[in-house]
Protein backbone atom coordinates (compact mmCIF):
# COMPACT_ATOMS: atom_id res chain seq x y z
CA MET A 1 113.01 89.72 132.11
CA ASN A 2 115.59 90.01 129.31
CA GLN A 3 115.63 93.31 127.46
CA ALA A 4 114.67 93.38 123.80
CA LYS A 5 117.75 93.67 121.60
CA VAL A 6 118.00 96.05 118.65
CA SER A 7 121.07 96.32 116.46
CA LEU A 8 122.01 99.42 114.47
CA ILE A 9 124.60 99.15 111.71
CA LYS A 10 125.88 101.96 109.52
CA CYS A 11 125.61 101.19 105.80
CA PRO A 12 126.52 104.21 103.65
CA ASP A 13 125.35 102.82 100.31
CA TYR A 14 123.81 99.84 98.53
CA SER A 15 127.00 98.22 97.30
CA GLU A 16 126.85 94.44 97.61
CA GLN A 17 129.86 94.35 99.92
CA LYS A 18 128.48 96.90 102.39
CA VAL A 19 124.94 95.52 102.44
CA THR A 20 126.15 91.94 102.93
CA ALA A 21 128.49 93.05 105.72
CA ALA A 22 125.62 94.87 107.46
CA LEU A 23 123.34 91.83 107.24
CA VAL A 24 126.03 89.49 108.55
CA ARG A 25 126.75 91.85 111.43
CA HIS A 26 123.08 92.04 112.39
CA PHE A 27 122.85 88.27 112.58
CA GLU A 28 126.04 88.13 114.69
CA LEU A 29 124.80 90.77 117.14
CA LEU A 30 121.41 89.10 117.56
CA GLY A 31 122.74 85.61 118.23
CA GLY A 32 123.97 84.19 114.91
CA ILE A 33 122.10 83.11 111.80
CA ASP A 34 121.83 79.56 113.13
CA SER A 35 119.67 80.84 116.00
CA PHE A 36 117.08 81.93 113.44
CA ILE A 37 117.39 79.57 110.47
CA SER A 38 118.13 75.87 110.07
CA ARG A 39 119.65 74.36 106.96
CA GLY A 40 116.90 73.18 104.66
CA ASP A 41 114.34 75.68 105.99
CA LYS A 42 111.93 77.15 103.48
CA VAL A 43 112.34 80.87 104.25
CA LEU A 44 110.00 83.62 103.12
CA ILE A 45 111.88 86.85 102.52
CA LYS A 46 109.11 89.44 102.90
CA PRO A 47 110.22 92.80 101.48
CA ASN A 48 108.07 95.89 101.00
CA MET A 49 106.92 95.64 97.36
CA ILE A 50 103.98 98.00 97.50
CA ALA A 51 104.12 99.50 93.99
CA PRO A 52 106.20 99.00 90.82
CA ARG A 53 108.59 101.90 91.15
CA PRO A 54 112.37 101.79 90.60
CA ALA A 55 114.84 101.58 93.43
CA LYS A 56 115.77 105.27 93.19
CA CYS A 57 112.26 106.20 94.39
CA ALA A 58 112.72 104.38 97.75
CA THR A 59 109.19 102.98 97.42
CA GLN A 60 110.27 99.36 97.77
CA THR A 61 112.89 97.55 99.82
CA ASP A 62 116.10 98.06 97.90
CA PRO A 63 117.10 95.20 95.56
CA ALA A 64 120.55 95.02 97.16
CA PHE A 65 118.94 94.02 100.46
CA ILE A 66 116.72 91.39 98.90
CA ILE A 67 119.44 89.82 96.74
CA SER A 68 122.15 89.92 99.42
CA LEU A 69 119.89 88.30 102.02
CA ALA A 70 118.80 85.64 99.53
CA LYS A 71 122.44 84.82 98.75
CA LEU A 72 123.33 84.59 102.45
CA LEU A 73 120.48 82.16 103.03
CA VAL A 74 121.32 80.04 99.98
CA ASP A 75 124.97 79.87 101.02
CA TYR A 76 123.89 78.85 104.51
CA GLY A 77 121.83 75.99 103.12
CA ALA A 78 118.31 77.38 103.46
CA LYS A 79 115.70 77.52 100.70
CA PRO A 80 114.55 81.14 100.46
CA PHE A 81 111.85 82.59 98.26
CA VAL A 82 110.87 86.25 97.87
CA ALA A 83 107.18 87.10 98.01
CA ASP A 84 104.66 89.84 98.65
CA SER A 85 101.13 90.88 97.75
CA PRO A 86 101.50 94.46 96.51
CA ALA A 87 98.64 96.87 97.03
CA TRP A 88 99.09 98.62 93.68
CA ALA A 89 100.24 95.92 91.27
CA ASP A 90 101.44 92.33 91.36
CA THR A 91 104.75 90.93 92.53
CA LEU A 92 106.06 90.46 89.00
CA ALA A 93 105.63 94.14 88.13
CA CYS A 94 107.25 95.24 91.41
CA ALA A 95 110.14 92.79 91.00
CA LYS A 96 110.75 93.93 87.42
CA ALA A 97 110.81 97.57 88.54
CA ILE A 98 113.74 96.90 90.88
CA ASN A 99 115.46 94.35 88.60
CA ILE A 100 115.60 91.40 90.99
CA ILE A 101 114.14 88.60 88.88
CA GLU A 102 117.27 87.56 86.97
CA PRO A 103 119.74 87.88 89.90
CA LEU A 104 117.43 85.78 92.08
CA LYS A 105 116.90 83.24 89.31
CA LYS A 106 120.67 82.74 89.15
CA LEU A 107 120.57 81.90 92.85
CA GLY A 108 117.68 79.49 92.33
CA VAL A 109 115.33 81.76 94.31
CA GLU A 110 111.71 82.17 93.23
CA VAL A 111 109.72 85.39 93.30
CA ARG A 112 106.15 84.58 94.28
CA GLN A 113 102.78 86.26 94.62
CA LEU A 114 101.36 85.91 98.14
CA ASP A 115 97.97 84.65 97.02
CA GLU A 116 95.78 81.63 97.82
CA PRO A 117 94.53 83.04 101.14
CA VAL A 118 93.61 80.76 104.03
CA LYS A 119 91.31 82.06 106.76
CA ARG A 120 92.97 82.43 110.15
CA ARG A 121 91.37 83.77 113.31
CA LEU A 122 93.20 86.71 114.84
CA GLU A 123 93.55 86.58 118.59
CA LYS A 124 92.70 90.07 119.82
CA CYS A 125 90.60 91.62 117.07
CA LYS A 126 88.36 88.52 117.04
CA THR A 127 88.01 88.20 113.30
CA ARG A 128 89.13 85.88 110.51
CA VAL A 129 91.53 87.20 107.88
CA GLY A 130 92.74 85.53 104.71
CA ILE A 131 96.51 85.03 104.94
CA SER A 132 98.46 83.66 101.97
CA ARG A 133 99.14 79.97 102.40
CA TYR A 134 102.69 80.55 101.16
CA ALA A 135 103.37 82.72 104.21
CA LEU A 136 101.66 80.24 106.52
CA GLU A 137 103.55 77.26 105.09
CA ALA A 138 107.01 78.86 105.23
CA ASP A 139 109.27 77.36 107.89
CA LYS A 140 110.60 80.81 108.75
CA ILE A 141 109.91 84.40 107.73
CA ILE A 142 112.42 87.24 107.58
CA ASN A 143 110.69 90.62 107.50
CA LEU A 144 112.55 93.12 105.28
CA PRO A 145 110.76 96.48 105.34
CA LYS A 146 111.80 99.89 104.02
CA LEU A 147 111.75 102.74 106.56
CA LYS A 148 109.12 105.19 105.32
CA THR A 149 106.82 107.92 106.50
CA HIS A 150 103.14 107.09 106.10
CA GLN A 151 100.17 109.37 105.48
CA GLN A 152 97.88 107.31 107.70
CA LEU A 153 100.14 105.75 110.35
CA ILE A 154 102.89 108.44 110.54
CA ALA A 155 105.64 105.90 109.82
CA THR A 156 105.80 102.25 108.77
CA ILE A 157 108.63 100.11 110.00
CA ALA A 158 108.28 96.53 111.22
CA VAL A 159 104.67 95.64 111.97
CA LYS A 160 102.81 97.11 108.97
CA ASN A 161 105.02 95.29 106.44
CA MET A 162 103.50 91.94 107.41
CA PHE A 163 100.08 93.21 106.27
CA GLY A 164 101.43 92.30 102.83
CA CYS A 165 100.76 88.64 103.63
CA VAL A 166 97.05 89.44 103.23
CA SER A 167 96.16 89.00 99.55
CA GLY A 168 96.21 92.32 97.68
CA LYS A 169 92.51 92.76 96.87
CA ALA A 170 91.54 92.16 100.51
CA LYS A 171 93.75 94.83 102.09
CA ALA A 172 91.53 97.69 100.90
CA MET A 173 88.50 95.97 102.43
CA TRP A 174 90.25 95.68 105.78
CA HIS A 175 91.13 99.38 105.67
CA TYR A 176 87.37 99.95 105.52
CA LYS A 177 86.25 97.28 107.99
CA LYS A 178 88.92 97.96 110.62
CA GLY A 179 89.83 101.56 109.80
CA GLU A 180 87.24 103.33 111.92
CA THR A 181 89.80 103.75 114.72
CA PHE A 182 93.58 103.47 114.90
CA GLU A 183 93.24 101.06 117.80
CA GLU A 184 91.07 98.65 115.84
CA PHE A 185 93.27 98.74 112.73
CA CYS A 186 96.55 98.45 114.62
CA THR A 187 95.18 95.58 116.71
CA MET A 188 94.65 93.73 113.45
CA LEU A 189 98.18 94.58 112.25
CA LEU A 190 99.73 93.33 115.49
CA ASP A 191 97.63 90.18 115.38
CA ILE A 192 98.81 89.42 111.85
CA TYR A 193 102.44 90.00 112.85
CA ASN A 194 102.08 87.77 115.91
CA LEU A 195 100.33 85.07 113.90
CA LEU A 196 103.14 84.90 111.33
CA LYS A 197 105.98 85.48 113.83
CA PRO A 198 108.91 86.59 111.64
CA VAL A 199 112.12 85.31 113.20
CA VAL A 200 113.78 88.67 112.64
CA THR A 201 113.04 92.04 111.05
CA ILE A 202 115.82 93.89 109.23
CA VAL A 203 115.02 97.47 108.23
CA ASP A 204 116.37 99.09 105.07
CA ALA A 205 117.08 102.67 106.14
CA VAL A 206 120.03 103.31 103.85
CA VAL A 207 117.71 105.44 101.75
CA ALA A 208 114.40 106.05 103.51
CA MET A 209 111.24 107.79 102.31
CA GLU A 210 109.99 111.07 103.75
CA GLY A 211 106.96 113.26 103.12
CA PRO A 212 103.84 111.71 101.53
CA GLY A 213 104.76 108.05 102.01
CA PRO A 214 104.38 105.15 101.64
CA ILE A 215 104.32 105.48 97.82
CA ARG A 216 104.65 109.09 96.69
CA GLY A 217 107.19 110.36 99.20
CA ASN A 218 110.73 111.53 98.53
CA PRO A 219 113.93 109.49 98.98
CA LYS A 220 116.18 110.60 101.83
CA HIS A 221 119.65 109.15 102.34
CA LEU A 222 120.20 108.05 105.94
CA GLY A 223 122.90 105.39 105.63
CA TRP A 224 121.60 103.00 108.31
CA THR A 225 120.12 99.58 108.90
CA ALA A 226 118.39 98.24 112.01
CA ALA A 227 117.29 94.80 113.14
CA SER A 228 115.51 93.01 115.97
CA THR A 229 113.38 90.02 116.84
CA GLU A 230 111.02 92.36 118.73
CA PRO A 231 109.06 94.67 116.39
CA ILE A 232 107.92 97.32 118.86
CA ALA A 233 111.44 97.79 120.19
CA LEU A 234 112.64 98.12 116.60
CA GLU A 235 109.97 100.71 115.78
CA THR A 236 110.90 102.62 118.94
CA VAL A 237 114.59 102.73 118.00
CA CYS A 238 113.89 103.66 114.38
CA CYS A 239 111.70 106.57 115.56
CA LYS A 240 114.62 107.73 117.69
CA LEU A 241 116.91 107.37 114.68
CA ILE A 242 114.81 109.72 112.54
CA GLY A 243 113.88 112.16 115.28
CA HIS A 244 110.20 111.17 115.57
CA ASN A 245 108.43 110.75 118.90
CA GLN A 246 107.63 107.05 119.02
CA HIS A 247 104.62 107.71 121.24
CA ASP A 248 102.94 109.51 118.31
CA LEU A 249 102.81 106.29 116.28
CA PRO A 250 99.41 104.56 116.60
CA ILE A 251 101.07 101.13 116.59
CA ILE A 252 103.24 102.05 119.59
CA GLN A 253 100.32 103.69 121.38
CA LEU A 254 98.48 100.38 121.07
CA ALA A 255 101.51 98.39 122.22
CA GLU A 256 101.75 100.60 125.30
CA LYS A 257 98.06 100.11 126.05
CA GLN A 258 98.34 96.35 125.64
CA ASP A 259 101.67 96.26 127.51
CA CYS A 260 103.34 94.32 124.71
CA GLY A 261 106.79 95.20 123.46
CA ALA A 262 109.46 97.68 124.53
CA CYS A 263 108.19 101.22 123.89
CA LYS A 264 110.96 103.06 125.75
CA ILE A 265 114.62 103.30 124.79
CA GLU A 266 115.72 102.59 128.38
CA ASN A 267 114.07 99.17 128.15
CA ILE A 268 115.99 98.19 125.01
CA GLU A 269 119.47 96.72 124.75
CA LEU A 270 121.17 98.54 121.88
CA LYS A 271 123.96 96.91 119.90
CA GLY A 272 126.24 97.97 117.08
CA ASP A 273 126.74 101.56 115.94
CA ILE A 274 124.49 103.16 118.53
CA GLY A 275 126.13 106.60 118.69
CA VAL A 276 123.81 107.88 115.95
CA LEU A 277 120.94 108.04 118.43
CA GLU A 278 122.67 110.93 120.19
CA SER A 279 122.15 113.08 117.06
CA PRO A 280 118.95 111.85 115.37
CA LEU A 281 118.61 112.12 111.61
CA GLY A 282 115.79 114.22 110.21
CA LEU A 283 112.92 112.78 108.19
CA SER A 284 110.14 115.12 107.05
CA PRO A 285 106.75 113.85 108.25
CA ALA A 286 103.78 113.00 106.07
CA GLN A 287 100.63 115.11 105.96
CA LEU A 288 98.01 112.79 107.43
CA ILE A 289 94.89 111.60 105.61
CA PRO A 290 91.99 109.44 106.90
CA LEU A 291 92.85 105.87 107.81
CA ARG A 292 89.53 104.44 106.71
CA PHE A 293 88.96 103.84 103.00
CA THR A 294 85.61 104.94 101.53
CA PRO A 295 83.36 102.21 100.05
CA LEU A 296 84.01 103.58 96.52
CA ARG A 297 87.76 103.39 97.03
CA VAL A 298 87.45 99.81 98.27
CA ILE A 299 85.41 98.78 95.22
CA LYS A 300 87.82 100.43 92.80
CA SER A 301 90.80 98.83 94.53
CA ILE A 302 89.28 95.34 94.50
CA ILE A 303 88.33 95.56 90.81
CA ARG A 304 91.79 96.80 89.93
CA GLN A 305 93.50 94.01 91.89
CA ILE A 306 91.30 91.29 90.39
CA PHE A 307 92.24 92.51 86.91
CA ILE A 308 95.95 92.68 87.74
CA LEU A 309 96.14 89.29 89.42
CA ALA A 310 94.14 87.60 86.65
CA LYS A 311 96.91 88.61 84.24
CA SER A 312 99.79 87.53 86.46
CA LYS A 313 101.35 84.20 87.30
CA ARG A 314 102.13 83.05 90.81
CA THR A 315 105.86 82.36 90.43
CA TYR A 316 108.52 83.97 88.27
């Protein structure tokens, strides 16, 4: 069996030149952009746009990553669009906070709300979840998460970011319905990831978030990016990068139990600037809180999201 490949590329800052070079190098190391995308493909760029906070807060995927990837895809001949379903606002507010609307408009790239959910049955958790039709109808998806600590899941890297393809007001409900155990919740997350099948995940770890993530943590400069087609291998390597034990992450514990994905460094083919793993970078952990939302929190979240989305438009 071929080993999962993970590429690590040093990227000291968010200058356009350095970010573009890192993205190009990742594609080269993983087989070339043409092995992932065909000309004319409608490509969903799925960043982490959880809350409308500026780039300096490291709450969202950095605008340099989003814009540089969009430009690469446009130049290649694809038809990208940027979309998410933020938990704490709408896509317009999040996009405005990181100033990506005008640069993307100049490229002819839309910013879209991941709404209009379509019910899809998830394989292992045996339930039906509403996934945005815009994610389902995309020819390809590129997953573009921010590396962050997380108060419920220890860290969020590749898999959790695709939960954003569930419409915003429904995510709180699923925290309640599937949040009784980590195994149940993470089974749902893995099912959603496997249903949508991003062709590649590229992690923004130039400036990560530490402490009480994924929203209220503190920015921490790391100067790295990582990429893979295999999410568990990528999460394993990113844990090694920041000095966390990957086996502490509930998502990796589940992957080990289900025997899916590479959960050990020795089973992963590392490419690029791999020397950093010999001296892991520090990232302060989050103080953990319960995974399961209370009924009152679910109700408040749903009401808030209905109000926000009623005021917003789908494309910008």
